[in-house]
Amino acid sequence: MDKTEILIIGSGPAGLKASLSAAGQGAEVTLVERDPFLGGQLVKQTHMFFGSKEHYASERGYKIAENLSREVKEHPGIRVLCDTTALGYYEDGIVSLESGGRFTVIKPQALIIATGAQENTLMFPNCDLPGIYGAGAVQTLMNVHGILPGKRVAMIGAGNIGVIVSYQLLQAGVEVPAIIEAQPRIGAYHVHASRVRRMGIPIYTSHTVLTAHGRESLEKVTISQIGPDWQPVAGTEKELAVDVLCISVGLTPLTELLFQAGCSMAYIPELGGHISVRSDTLETTVPNIFVCGDVGGIEEASSAMVEGSIAGLSAALNLGFGVDSYAGKLAAARRELDDLRRGPVGEKIRSGLERLSSFREVAQ
């Protein structure tokens, strides 16, 4: 049986920063990633980040992934296991791993779960036709493998991901005849939405997809306006000739390992669904198990990186590392998170965290 001081599952923005943070305090870290590369969703992101220098402003996601991955691989205190999937957590604190058909187990003294989230989807007639993708799949095809998903792509969802991917499709020479949003208002930052509107893409708010059409693959979709009761409004149907429908309707945290570990969970819609109850240091109700990033609530990558730093610092402290520097570093990270969650953009996150605090009081 393998052993490590701190095991981190997931190498997205949260996992990478957690690894560097914990190892920087002197802890021995093992980082597990199921993909053959580090970086998670960052490797797909070609747009520039907002915020301050500390939040990687004006840097593109894939460049941030490259820089952080290089730091992780070069750090002597971090062991990286790519192409490795965490299969389960057991009562004795053992985590089972699989790589290349080989099954192994590892027992950490502390565990940081940074598994991220999975895409939500929609159900409608013929939703299983070839040519219907999640936005993450489209980003992977284009930005990782250099493959165009189709020639004409309609987007469902006008949140940040939907609008950003629509712009990336335009940059790749793909036609985007429409962005369809069920809510009466778009959820994306206006700077992103304004960019696609200037390029002539209509954004249909209070609309949804009724059905997809095609024989062997997608040929067109029918969309319709919806009323306050979320039901289609008769006579408002439109047909769009497309060979791809891209669905971007939110994310759900990947919490299976947290449930297996017996962590107290709470359903917080504002944060994406079931998430773990945790302390301000991101420690769950199971001692020495921490969460960070989208698995603990859906936010931007900048917030995930700061949470990763907090989880790494806190896990290392629990093992006796970084005692003298912990308080100052934690306070600085908390200030960064507060800055990222300010204003109307962070209102939903703040509301969700406030609801989560009531569950924490019950768990304690």
Foldseek 3Di string as FASTA:
>chain_A
DAEFAEEEEAQALLRLLLLCLQVVLPGQYEYEEQAQAGHPLLLLWQDADPDDVLLRGRDTSNVVRVVSRVVQVPRPRYHYHYNKDFDAADQVQKTWIDHPNDIDIYHYNFYEYAPAWAADDDDAAPCVFPQEEALSVQSCVCRVVNHHSFAEEEEEAQAQSRLSSCVVNVVVNHHYQEYEYLAQDHRYDVVSVVVVVVVPHYYHYQKDWHYFDDDRHTFKTKMAHADPVRHGDPPGIDIDGTRHYYYGDDIAAPCPRVVRNVFDWDAQVLFHGIAGQADLLQATLPPRYGYAASNRGDDDSSRRNLNSSSNSLVSSVVVPTPPPPSVVSSVVSVVVNCVRLDDPSNPSVVVRVVVSVVVNVVSD
